[in-house]
């Protein structure tokens, strides 16, 4: 029995076709996965179901729930359905939550607005829902604010908000993107548990095929606004009848061709680094608690080597990265570039030019008012003077990352997510560095774009003999692109070694836990089916 049936959904926005003849059914009490690369129309399909389309949207087709066409209902009626019958978890929890409102008030808000409870009753129910999603009252009181929580914890608050009124259909738009593997596993188990216990249906939108394999009962593959293939998850994964589905699978298992040539020269030397922070006092005259974010971390990185750093949120990866980049002072140990110069905020600029970084969110790391030419040439301020051949170097950097010199005169909003990441890499290359820190550089990209960026990084490393410090929670990516890997937990490196050795035979219980939490497609689902060439 289907809970909702979508028939021939088509959508144009200001005359541009977005969706075409999209049809599917979501059974009662089941998980329906919708997969496809960025720009395929997955999120627009969910927004169409909620009638939350942007201005200029022209929609046709039907979405039938309980015999009613949702598209034919007026706004007042839809306001009663949103949250009450259909809940939604948005991709980015920090933008979905109100930063000046406590988490208790935000979960209670839906109950109060729909008249399901008084304020006192709503706060009591909010406490129950937050407990249900793993945010217990002892550690997470209702008066916490979103900025006081980690990414995974904020996502749990969004889930509590979405299920507060026990909707029959829950839409989850990339609910685990950019979460570490253990948090991702917990969120997926939570969503699956809610489906089983509450009897609700779940529309899971994601680009991660392994996540779909482990959670969804049915799956549909979307390309260019059309569903090209759909069916039960196991049957579709085994057959992969459509060429695009085969290419998605090839991209998800893609490993770049690498022939690393590691030299003896040490680019980066981290020796017994320690970094701690003072926390707020729990009482007026009590001692000041101290958080040891990094505890005696040591490692070296050589020219031409790719070194991975993995660990769950809060393990100290970001703190260590900031220290390596010279953005924070360390309280013990030393960090040396080229084996001689301590890295610090006062390090000479010409030397700093040899160390560059690619951030997780390329759009957030760019000034939207600047053209690409200025964005890419921004690191020139590290040099004594702007190179005379600055324009040639900008064009060369853009060409190296697969763009064109004409792109230098565009603005960053004119590019896709994958193109923005290429521009971020071009900016890192402009000073011709020896070492690049890649901080979750591909975590938010869909599988095909991710495969292309990994190929690009492998090619650039070979041609420039670059050293990479690759920080990621995606173990598949780390295994594909690194020579050695370090596993970090509670500020310490608990295991390190050759990448294949660590993954094939992990010694530390935490490493085994991380590997076990990583979603995988069952091996027998892909037997007898060769991967097509990635294009």
Protein backbone atom coordinates (compact mmCIF):
# COMPACT_ATOMS: atom_id res chain seq x y z
CA UNK A 1 0.00 0.00 0.00
CA UNK A 2 1.47 3.36 -1.04
CA UNK A 3 1.45 6.36 1.28
CA UNK A 4 2.10 8.89 -1.47
CA UNK A 5 2.06 8.56 -5.25
CA UNK A 6 3.77 11.05 -7.55
CA UNK A 7 2.49 11.11 -11.13
CA UNK A 8 4.21 12.86 -14.05
CA UNK A 9 5.73 15.66 -11.99
CA UNK A 10 7.29 18.30 -14.23
CA UNK A 11 8.80 21.61 -13.18
CA UNK A 12 10.11 24.70 -14.96
CA UNK A 13 11.70 27.65 -13.16
CA UNK A 14 11.58 30.86 -15.17
CA UNK A 15 11.21 28.72 -18.27
CA UNK A 16 14.20 26.46 -17.53
CA UNK A 17 13.22 22.76 -17.37
CA UNK A 18 14.13 21.21 -14.00
CA UNK A 19 11.98 18.06 -13.69
CA UNK A 20 10.33 16.00 -16.40
CA UNK A 21 7.64 13.32 -15.94
CA UNK A 22 8.84 12.16 -12.53
CA UNK A 23 6.69 9.29 -11.21
CA UNK A 24 7.17 7.04 -8.18
CA UNK A 25 5.35 5.61 -5.16
CA UNK A 26 6.51 5.52 -1.53
CA UNK A 27 5.03 2.50 0.29
CA UNK A 28 3.68 2.82 3.82
CA UNK A 29 6.35 2.15 6.45
CA UNK A 30 9.20 1.79 3.93
CA UNK A 31 12.36 3.69 3.00
CA UNK A 32 12.51 5.04 -0.55
CA UNK A 33 15.94 6.17 -1.75
CA UNK A 34 16.37 8.86 -4.41
CA UNK A 35 19.92 8.99 -5.79
CA UNK A 36 21.73 10.97 -8.45
CA UNK A 37 24.49 13.51 -8.87
CA UNK A 38 24.25 17.19 -7.94
CA UNK A 39 21.83 19.09 -10.14
CA UNK A 40 19.83 16.00 -11.09
CA UNK A 41 16.66 17.36 -9.46
CA UNK A 42 16.52 15.35 -6.22
CA UNK A 43 16.07 18.28 -3.85
CA UNK A 44 13.64 20.04 -6.19
CA UNK A 45 11.49 16.91 -6.17
CA UNK A 46 11.26 17.05 -2.38
CA UNK A 47 10.54 20.79 -2.38
CA UNK A 48 7.80 20.23 -4.95
CA UNK A 49 6.16 17.66 -2.64
CA UNK A 50 6.23 20.23 0.18
CA UNK A 51 5.06 23.03 -2.16
CA UNK A 52 8.10 25.08 -1.22
CA UNK A 53 9.27 25.92 -4.73
CA UNK A 54 11.20 29.12 -5.49
CA UNK A 55 9.59 32.06 -7.22
CA UNK A 56 9.01 31.48 -10.91
CA UNK A 57 8.30 27.77 -10.54
CA UNK A 58 5.73 26.29 -12.93
CA UNK A 59 4.71 22.79 -11.85
CA UNK A 60 2.44 20.14 -13.35
CA UNK A 61 1.51 16.59 -12.43
CA UNK A 62 0.03 15.14 -9.25
CA UNK A 63 1.16 14.04 -5.78
CA UNK A 64 -1.62 11.95 -4.25
CA UNK A 65 -1.75 11.32 -0.50
CA UNK A 66 -4.90 9.94 1.16
CA UNK A 67 -6.78 10.49 -2.09
CA UNK A 68 -5.90 14.20 -2.15
CA UNK A 69 -3.69 15.87 -4.72
CA UNK A 70 -1.23 17.91 -2.66
CA UNK A 71 -0.54 20.17 -5.62
CA UNK A 72 -4.20 21.21 -5.75
CA UNK A 73 -4.39 22.26 -2.07
CA UNK A 74 -4.27 25.90 -1.01
CA UNK A 75 -1.47 27.29 1.17
CA UNK A 76 -3.49 27.25 4.41
CA UNK A 77 -4.22 23.54 3.98
CA UNK A 78 -0.57 22.80 3.14
CA UNK A 79 0.55 24.64 6.29
CA UNK A 80 -1.48 22.10 8.24
CA UNK A 81 0.15 19.21 6.37
CA UNK A 82 3.76 20.40 6.62
CA UNK A 83 5.19 19.11 9.86
CA UNK A 84 1.97 17.35 10.77
CA UNK A 85 1.72 14.85 7.90
CA UNK A 86 5.03 15.44 6.10
CA UNK A 87 8.24 16.33 7.96
CA UNK A 88 11.51 17.35 6.36
CA UNK A 89 15.16 17.19 7.42
CA UNK A 90 17.26 19.65 5.44
CA UNK A 91 20.81 19.02 4.27
CA UNK A 92 22.60 21.69 6.32
CA UNK A 93 21.44 21.71 9.95
CA UNK A 94 23.21 24.94 10.89
CA UNK A 95 21.19 26.90 8.33
CA UNK A 96 17.99 25.00 9.15
CA UNK A 97 18.20 25.94 12.84
CA UNK A 98 17.63 29.39 14.34
CA UNK A 99 20.96 30.46 15.88
CA UNK A 100 19.31 32.70 18.52
CA UNK A 101 16.72 30.17 19.68
CA UNK A 102 17.38 27.27 22.06
CA UNK A 103 17.04 23.72 20.81
CA UNK A 104 14.16 23.09 23.20
CA UNK A 105 12.17 26.03 21.86
CA UNK A 106 12.82 25.01 18.27
CA UNK A 107 11.58 21.45 18.77
CA UNK A 108 8.57 22.71 20.78
CA UNK A 109 7.73 25.34 18.15
CA UNK A 110 6.18 22.87 15.71
CA UNK A 111 3.93 21.43 18.44
CA UNK A 112 2.78 24.90 19.53
CA UNK A 113 2.16 26.22 16.00
CA UNK A 114 0.04 23.20 15.08
CA UNK A 115 -1.90 23.49 18.35
CA UNK A 116 -0.81 20.02 19.43
CA UNK A 117 0.28 21.13 22.92
CA UNK A 118 0.59 24.07 25.27
CA UNK A 119 4.03 25.58 25.74
CA UNK A 120 4.66 23.58 28.93
CA UNK A 121 3.46 20.36 27.31
CA UNK A 122 5.47 21.14 24.17
CA UNK A 123 8.69 21.54 26.14
CA UNK A 124 8.04 18.23 27.89
CA UNK A 125 7.48 16.53 24.53
CA UNK A 126 10.58 18.29 23.15
CA UNK A 127 12.61 16.73 25.94
CA UNK A 128 11.21 13.30 25.04
CA UNK A 129 12.00 13.75 21.33
CA UNK A 130 15.54 14.94 22.01
CA UNK A 131 16.07 11.96 24.31
CA UNK A 132 14.72 9.72 21.53
CA UNK A 133 17.32 10.97 19.06
CA UNK A 134 20.17 10.44 21.53
CA UNK A 135 20.49 13.92 23.08
CA UNK A 136 19.93 13.09 26.74
CA UNK A 137 18.90 15.77 29.19
CA UNK A 138 21.99 15.47 31.39
CA UNK A 139 24.37 16.53 28.61
CA UNK A 140 22.00 18.43 26.33
CA UNK A 141 19.53 20.58 28.31
CA UNK A 142 16.76 22.38 26.44
CA UNK A 143 18.51 25.74 26.84
CA UNK A 144 21.46 24.76 24.62
CA UNK A 145 21.97 26.78 21.43
CA UNK A 146 22.87 25.26 18.01
CA UNK A 147 26.41 26.68 18.02
CA UNK A 148 27.13 24.70 21.19
CA UNK A 149 26.57 21.40 19.37
CA UNK A 150 28.58 19.42 16.85
CA UNK A 151 27.36 18.80 13.29
CA UNK A 152 25.96 15.38 14.14
CA UNK A 153 24.23 16.71 17.25
CA UNK A 154 22.64 19.55 15.27
CA UNK A 155 21.39 17.01 12.75
CA UNK A 156 19.75 15.09 15.60
CA UNK A 157 17.96 18.28 16.68
CA UNK A 158 16.64 18.67 13.12
CA UNK A 159 15.39 15.09 13.22
CA UNK A 160 13.68 15.71 16.56
CA UNK A 161 11.96 18.77 15.05
CA UNK A 162 10.87 16.83 11.97
CA UNK A 163 9.35 13.92 13.94
CA UNK A 164 7.87 15.97 16.81
CA UNK A 165 4.35 15.67 15.37
CA UNK A 166 4.89 12.05 14.27
CA UNK A 167 4.42 12.71 10.52
CA UNK A 168 3.59 9.79 8.27
CA UNK A 169 6.16 10.82 5.65
CA UNK A 170 9.66 12.02 6.55
CA UNK A 171 11.81 13.58 3.82
CA UNK A 172 15.56 13.51 4.58
CA UNK A 173 17.65 15.56 2.12
CA UNK A 174 21.28 14.40 2.38
CA UNK A 175 20.98 13.95 6.17
CA UNK A 176 24.47 12.48 6.58
CA UNK A 177 26.54 14.57 4.16
CA UNK A 178 29.79 15.79 5.79
CA UNK A 179 29.25 13.67 8.92
CA UNK A 180 31.94 11.27 10.10
CA UNK A 181 31.30 7.55 9.62
CA UNK A 182 30.36 6.74 13.21
CA UNK A 183 27.94 9.68 13.45
CA UNK A 184 26.57 8.80 10.02
CA UNK A 185 25.92 5.22 11.14
CA UNK A 186 24.14 6.48 14.25
CA UNK A 187 21.94 8.88 12.26
CA UNK A 188 21.02 6.18 9.73
CA UNK A 189 20.22 3.69 12.51
CA UNK A 190 18.08 6.37 14.16
CA UNK A 191 16.14 7.06 10.95
CA UNK A 192 15.64 3.37 10.26
CA UNK A 193 14.49 2.86 13.86
CA UNK A 194 11.96 5.68 13.56
CA UNK A 195 10.55 4.11 10.41
CA UNK A 196 10.21 0.72 12.11
CA UNK A 197 8.84 1.99 15.44
CA UNK A 198 6.62 4.85 14.27
CA UNK A 199 5.44 3.17 11.07
CA UNK A 200 6.32 6.26 9.03
CA UNK A 201 7.69 6.29 5.49
CA UNK A 202 11.05 7.84 4.63
CA UNK A 203 12.15 9.54 1.41
CA UNK A 204 15.96 9.44 1.65
CA UNK A 205 17.75 11.74 -0.78
CA UNK A 206 21.47 11.04 -1.11
CA UNK A 207 24.34 10.61 -3.55
CA UNK A 208 25.91 7.83 -1.45
CA UNK A 209 25.01 4.46 -2.98
CA UNK A 210 26.38 2.54 0.02
CA UNK A 211 24.02 4.43 2.35
CA UNK A 212 21.07 3.54 0.13
CA UNK A 213 22.14 -0.11 0.03
CA UNK A 214 22.09 -0.33 3.81
CA UNK A 215 18.87 1.56 4.51
CA UNK A 216 16.45 1.77 1.57
CA UNK A 217 13.82 -0.79 0.55
CA UNK A 218 13.22 0.85 -2.84
CA UNK A 219 15.41 3.18 -4.88
CA UNK A 220 15.08 5.48 -7.88
CA UNK A 221 17.98 6.89 -9.92
CA UNK A 222 17.56 10.44 -11.21
CA UNK A 223 19.45 12.14 -14.04
CA UNK A 224 18.78 15.56 -15.58
CA UNK A 225 15.40 15.82 -13.87
CA UNK A 226 14.16 12.40 -14.95
CA UNK A 227 13.98 9.05 -13.17
CA UNK A 228 15.93 6.72 -15.43
CA UNK A 229 15.59 3.55 -13.33
CA UNK A 230 13.79 2.41 -10.19
CA UNK A 231 12.90 -0.75 -8.30
CA UNK A 232 13.63 -2.66 -5.12
CA UNK A 233 17.11 -1.81 -3.87
CA UNK A 234 18.74 -5.22 -4.20
CA UNK A 235 17.25 -5.89 -7.64
CA UNK A 236 18.35 -2.51 -9.01
CA UNK A 237 21.85 -2.83 -7.54
CA UNK A 238 22.23 -6.27 -9.10
CA UNK A 239 20.93 -5.41 -12.58
CA UNK A 240 21.84 -1.74 -13.14
CA UNK A 241 20.04 -1.72 -16.45
CA UNK A 242 20.57 1.95 -17.30
CA UNK A 243 23.92 3.26 -18.51
CA UNK A 244 23.82 6.20 -16.07
CA UNK A 245 23.28 3.85 -13.11
CA UNK A 246 26.33 1.87 -14.20
CA UNK A 247 28.39 5.08 -14.36
CA UNK A 248 27.27 6.04 -10.85
CA UNK A 249 28.42 2.67 -9.54
CA UNK A 250 31.73 3.01 -11.38
CA UNK A 251 32.26 6.43 -9.81
CA UNK A 252 31.42 5.20 -6.30
CA UNK A 253 34.10 2.49 -6.53
CA UNK A 254 36.58 4.66 -8.44
CA UNK A 255 40.21 4.75 -7.37
CA UNK A 256 42.51 7.17 -9.22
CA UNK A 257 45.53 5.78 -11.01
CA UNK A 258 48.46 6.82 -8.87
CA UNK A 259 52.18 6.20 -9.20
CA UNK A 260 53.53 8.03 -6.16
CA UNK A 261 57.18 8.93 -6.13
CA UNK A 262 57.99 9.73 -2.53
CA UNK A 263 61.29 11.51 -1.97
CA UNK A 264 63.38 11.64 1.19
CA UNK A 265 62.98 15.40 1.66
CA UNK A 266 60.78 16.15 4.69
CA UNK A 267 58.25 18.89 3.96
CA UNK A 268 56.39 18.87 7.26
CA UNK A 269 57.57 17.74 10.67
CA UNK A 270 55.15 17.66 13.60
CA UNK A 271 56.82 16.83 16.91
CA UNK A 272 54.90 16.18 20.17
CA UNK A 273 52.34 18.93 19.51
CA UNK A 274 49.91 19.78 22.29
CA UNK A 275 46.97 22.18 22.25
CA UNK A 276 44.36 22.69 24.98
CA UNK A 277 41.47 25.08 25.63
CA UNK A 278 39.98 26.45 28.83
CA UNK A 279 36.28 25.59 29.18
CA UNK A 280 33.63 27.58 31.08
CA UNK A 281 33.59 27.01 34.82
CA UNK A 282 30.79 24.84 36.16
CA UNK A 283 30.57 26.91 39.34
CA UNK A 284 31.66 30.38 40.45
CA UNK A 285 34.61 29.25 42.57
CA UNK A 286 35.27 25.92 40.90
CA UNK A 287 38.38 25.09 38.87
CA UNK A 288 38.57 25.95 35.19
CA UNK A 289 38.08 22.76 33.14
CA UNK A 290 40.59 22.19 30.36
CA UNK A 291 39.97 20.39 27.07
CA UNK A 292 43.09 18.74 25.62
CA UNK A 293 42.28 18.91 21.92
CA UNK A 294 45.68 17.65 20.70
CA UNK A 295 47.86 15.43 22.89
CA UNK A 296 51.45 14.91 21.82
CA UNK A 297 50.91 14.30 18.08
CA UNK A 298 54.02 13.53 16.01
CA UNK A 299 54.48 12.67 12.31
CA UNK A 300 56.43 13.64 9.19
CA UNK A 301 55.29 14.18 5.61
CA UNK A 302 57.72 13.88 2.70
CA UNK A 303 57.75 15.39 -0.79
CA UNK A 304 55.42 13.54 -3.15
CA UNK A 305 53.69 11.71 -0.30
CA UNK A 306 49.96 11.65 0.41
CA UNK A 307 49.20 11.29 4.12
CA UNK A 308 45.66 10.73 5.41
CA UNK A 309 44.26 11.87 8.76
CA UNK A 310 40.95 10.31 9.81
CA UNK A 311 38.79 10.35 12.90
CA UNK A 312 35.30 11.27 14.04
CA UNK A 313 34.09 14.80 14.81
CA UNK A 314 35.75 16.29 17.88
CA UNK A 315 38.85 14.09 17.72
CA UNK A 316 41.16 17.11 17.18
CA UNK A 317 41.68 17.03 13.40
CA UNK A 318 40.58 20.64 12.86
CA UNK A 319 42.63 21.96 15.79
CA UNK A 320 45.73 20.20 14.50
CA UNK A 321 45.06 21.54 11.00
CA UNK A 322 44.81 25.12 12.22
CA UNK A 323 48.08 24.70 14.09
CA UNK A 324 49.80 23.30 10.97
CA UNK A 325 48.55 26.26 8.94
CA UNK A 326 49.96 28.65 11.52
CA UNK A 327 46.52 29.92 12.52
CA UNK A 328 46.90 28.85 16.17
CA UNK A 329 49.82 28.71 18.55
CA UNK A 330 50.68 25.37 20.09
CA UNK A 331 51.34 24.99 23.80
CA UNK A 332 53.86 22.21 23.46
CA UNK A 333 56.00 20.61 20.79
CA UNK A 334 56.86 22.10 17.39
CA UNK A 335 55.69 22.16 13.77
CA UNK A 336 58.37 22.72 11.15
CA UNK A 337 58.11 23.39 7.43
CA UNK A 338 60.95 22.04 5.27
CA UNK A 339 62.38 20.58 8.47
CA UNK A 340 63.80 23.88 9.69
CA UNK A 341 61.34 26.74 10.12
CA UNK A 342 58.77 26.67 12.95
CA UNK A 343 55.26 27.35 11.67
CA UNK A 344 53.60 30.24 13.46
CA UNK A 345 51.36 33.25 12.74
CA UNK A 346 54.56 35.31 12.37
CA UNK A 347 56.27 33.01 9.86
CA UNK A 348 57.73 34.90 6.85
CA UNK A 349 55.24 35.12 4.00
CA UNK A 350 57.51 33.75 1.24
CA UNK A 351 57.94 30.59 3.30
CA UNK A 352 54.23 30.36 4.06
CA UNK A 353 53.60 30.38 0.30
CA UNK A 354 54.94 26.82 0.16
CA UNK A 355 52.01 25.61 2.29
CA UNK A 356 48.49 26.01 0.91
CA UNK A 357 45.03 24.71 1.85
CA UNK A 358 41.81 23.60 0.16
CA UNK A 359 38.82 24.00 2.45
CA UNK A 360 35.75 21.80 2.76
CA UNK A 361 33.27 24.45 1.61
CA UNK A 362 34.72 26.25 -1.42
CA UNK A 363 31.80 28.67 -1.70
CA UNK A 364 32.20 29.77 1.93
CA UNK A 365 35.94 30.32 1.45
CA UNK A 366 35.48 32.74 -1.48
CA UNK A 367 34.42 36.38 -1.55
CA UNK A 368 31.28 36.34 -3.74
CA UNK A 369 31.93 39.94 -4.88
CA UNK A 370 35.26 39.07 -6.48
CA UNK A 371 35.80 37.59 -9.91
CA UNK A 372 37.64 34.29 -10.21
CA UNK A 373 40.83 36.00 -11.39
CA UNK A 374 41.08 37.87 -8.08
CA UNK A 375 40.03 34.85 -6.04
CA UNK A 376 42.67 32.60 -7.58
CA UNK A 377 45.42 35.23 -7.29
CA UNK A 378 44.61 36.01 -3.64
CA UNK A 379 47.68 34.06 -2.32
CA UNK A 380 49.97 36.48 -4.17
CA UNK A 381 49.84 38.65 -1.03
CA UNK A 382 52.20 36.08 0.51
CA UNK A 383 54.88 37.04 -2.00
CA UNK A 384 57.21 40.07 -1.74
CA UNK A 385 55.54 41.45 -4.85
CA UNK A 386 52.93 40.35 -7.36
CA UNK A 387 54.58 38.30 -10.12
CA UNK A 388 54.91 40.07 -13.45
CA UNK A 389 53.32 37.10 -15.16
CA UNK A 390 50.34 37.06 -12.75
CA UNK A 391 47.70 36.80 -15.48
CA UNK A 392 49.57 33.96 -17.19
CA UNK A 393 49.85 32.10 -13.89
CA UNK A 394 46.11 32.54 -13.25
CA UNK A 395 45.31 31.13 -16.69
CA UNK A 396 47.80 28.30 -16.19
CA UNK A 397 46.30 27.35 -12.80
CA UNK A 398 42.75 27.34 -14.18
CA UNK A 399 43.80 25.23 -17.15
CA UNK A 400 45.59 22.75 -14.90
CA UNK A 401 42.39 22.07 -12.94
CA UNK A 402 40.27 21.53 -16.05
CA UNK A 403 38.78 25.02 -16.45
CA UNK A 404 39.47 27.67 -19.10
CA UNK A 405 41.12 31.12 -18.99
CA UNK A 406 37.72 32.62 -19.86
CA UNK A 407 36.42 31.45 -16.47
CA UNK A 408 38.69 34.03 -14.79
CA UNK A 409 36.19 36.78 -15.61
CA UNK A 410 33.20 35.04 -14.00
CA UNK A 411 31.86 35.14 -10.45
CA UNK A 412 31.89 32.16 -8.12
CA UNK A 413 28.09 31.77 -8.09
CA UNK A 414 28.21 30.94 -11.80
CA UNK A 415 29.89 27.58 -11.13
CA UNK A 416 28.74 24.19 -9.88
CA UNK A 417 30.03 22.65 -6.64
CA UNK A 418 32.65 20.58 -8.44
CA UNK A 419 33.85 23.58 -10.47
CA UNK A 420 34.15 25.67 -7.29
CA UNK A 421 36.32 22.99 -5.76
CA UNK A 422 38.52 23.08 -8.88
CA UNK A 423 38.86 26.85 -8.44
CA UNK A 424 39.83 26.30 -4.80
CA UNK A 425 42.54 23.90 -5.96
CA UNK A 426 43.70 26.43 -8.59
CA UNK A 427 44.03 29.04 -5.82
CA UNK A 428 46.14 26.61 -3.80
CA UNK A 429 48.40 26.00 -6.83
CA UNK A 430 48.95 29.62 -7.82
CA UNK A 431 52.04 30.08 -5.62
CA UNK A 432 53.43 26.73 -6.77
CA UNK A 433 53.51 25.22 -3.27
CA UNK A 434 55.20 22.04 -2.13
CA UNK A 435 52.51 20.99 0.37
CA UNK A 436 48.70 21.24 0.23
CA UNK A 437 46.38 20.56 3.15
CA UNK A 438 43.07 19.18 1.88
CA UNK A 439 40.45 19.62 4.61
CA UNK A 440 37.43 17.44 3.71
CA UNK A 441 37.94 18.64 0.15
CA UNK A 442 35.53 16.15 -1.46
CA UNK A 443 33.12 15.29 1.39
CA UNK A 444 30.16 17.27 0.05
CA UNK A 445 30.57 16.27 -3.62
CA UNK A 446 28.53 13.63 -5.40
CA UNK A 447 30.25 10.43 -6.45
CA UNK A 448 30.99 11.36 -10.07
CA UNK A 449 32.36 14.83 -9.27
CA UNK A 450 34.33 13.34 -6.37
CA UNK A 451 35.94 10.81 -8.72
CA UNK A 452 36.93 13.58 -11.13
CA UNK A 453 38.47 15.69 -8.33
CA UNK A 454 40.42 12.69 -7.01
CA UNK A 455 41.78 12.04 -10.51
CA UNK A 456 42.75 15.71 -10.73
CA UNK A 457 44.56 15.60 -7.38
CA UNK A 458 46.45 12.45 -8.37
CA UNK A 459 47.51 14.02 -11.66
CA UNK A 460 48.64 17.28 -10.02
CA UNK A 461 50.61 15.40 -7.39
CA UNK A 462 52.46 13.45 -10.05
CA UNK A 463 53.22 16.49 -12.22
CA UNK A 464 54.25 18.83 -9.37
CA UNK A 465 55.60 16.30 -6.86
CA UNK A 466 53.23 17.72 -4.26
CA UNK A 467 52.84 16.54 -0.70
CA UNK A 468 49.24 16.15 0.49
CA UNK A 469 47.85 16.09 4.01
CA UNK A 470 44.42 14.65 3.29
CA UNK A 471 41.96 15.17 6.16
CA UNK A 472 38.70 13.31 5.73
CA UNK A 473 36.06 11.21 7.44
CA UNK A 474 35.42 9.28 4.21
CA UNK A 475 37.48 6.13 4.54
CA UNK A 476 36.84 5.11 0.92
CA UNK A 477 38.43 8.36 -0.27
CA UNK A 478 41.37 8.08 2.13
CA UNK A 479 42.07 4.54 0.99
CA UNK A 480 41.98 5.62 -2.65
CA UNK A 481 44.25 8.67 -2.48
CA UNK A 482 46.77 8.21 0.35
CA UNK A 483 50.02 6.31 0.87
CA UNK A 484 49.96 6.39 4.67
CA UNK A 485 47.13 7.03 7.11
CA UNK A 486 46.85 8.17 10.72
CA UNK A 487 43.82 7.47 12.90
CA UNK A 488 43.04 10.14 15.50
CA UNK A 489 40.93 9.75 18.62
CA UNK A 490 40.53 12.15 21.55
CA UNK A 491 43.49 14.24 20.41
CA UNK A 492 45.90 11.32 19.97
CA UNK A 493 47.13 9.27 17.01
CA UNK A 494 46.05 5.76 18.02
CA UNK A 495 47.22 3.99 14.85
CA UNK A 496 49.37 4.88 11.86
CA UNK A 497 50.93 3.02 8.96
CA UNK A 498 50.74 2.18 5.28
CA UNK A 499 47.17 2.79 4.14
CA UNK A 500 46.45 -0.69 2.79
CA UNK A 501 48.00 -2.32 5.85
CA UNK A 502 45.91 -0.30 8.28
CA UNK A 503 42.68 -0.90 6.36
CA UNK A 504 43.29 -4.58 5.73
CA UNK A 505 44.50 -5.42 9.23
CA UNK A 506 43.55 -2.70 11.76
CA UNK A 507 45.16 -3.15 15.14
CA UNK A 508 43.43 -0.60 17.35
CA UNK A 509 39.80 -1.19 18.43
CA UNK A 510 38.86 2.37 17.40
CA UNK A 511 40.20 1.81 13.88
CA UNK A 512 38.17 -1.38 13.63
CA UNK A 513 35.12 0.56 14.85
CA UNK A 514 35.58 3.22 12.15
CA UNK A 515 35.94 0.64 9.40
CA UNK A 516 32.93 -1.34 10.66
CA UNK A 517 30.79 1.85 10.67
CA UNK A 518 31.60 2.64 7.04
CA UNK A 519 28.61 1.83 4.80
CA UNK A 520 29.36 -0.65 2.03
CA UNK A 521 27.42 -2.20 -0.82
CA UNK A 522 27.08 -5.97 -0.21
CA UNK A 523 29.69 -7.75 -2.32
CA UNK A 524 27.22 -10.26 -3.77
CA UNK A 525 25.06 -7.39 -5.10
CA UNK A 526 27.84 -6.35 -7.49
CA UNK A 527 29.13 -9.76 -8.55
CA UNK A 528 29.16 -10.54 -12.23
CA UNK A 529 28.71 -6.91 -13.26
CA UNK A 530 31.69 -4.99 -14.59
CA UNK A 531 31.97 -1.29 -13.94
CA UNK A 532 31.67 0.97 -16.95
CA UNK A 533 34.32 3.56 -17.72
CA UNK A 534 33.91 6.78 -15.76
CA UNK A 535 33.09 9.76 -17.96
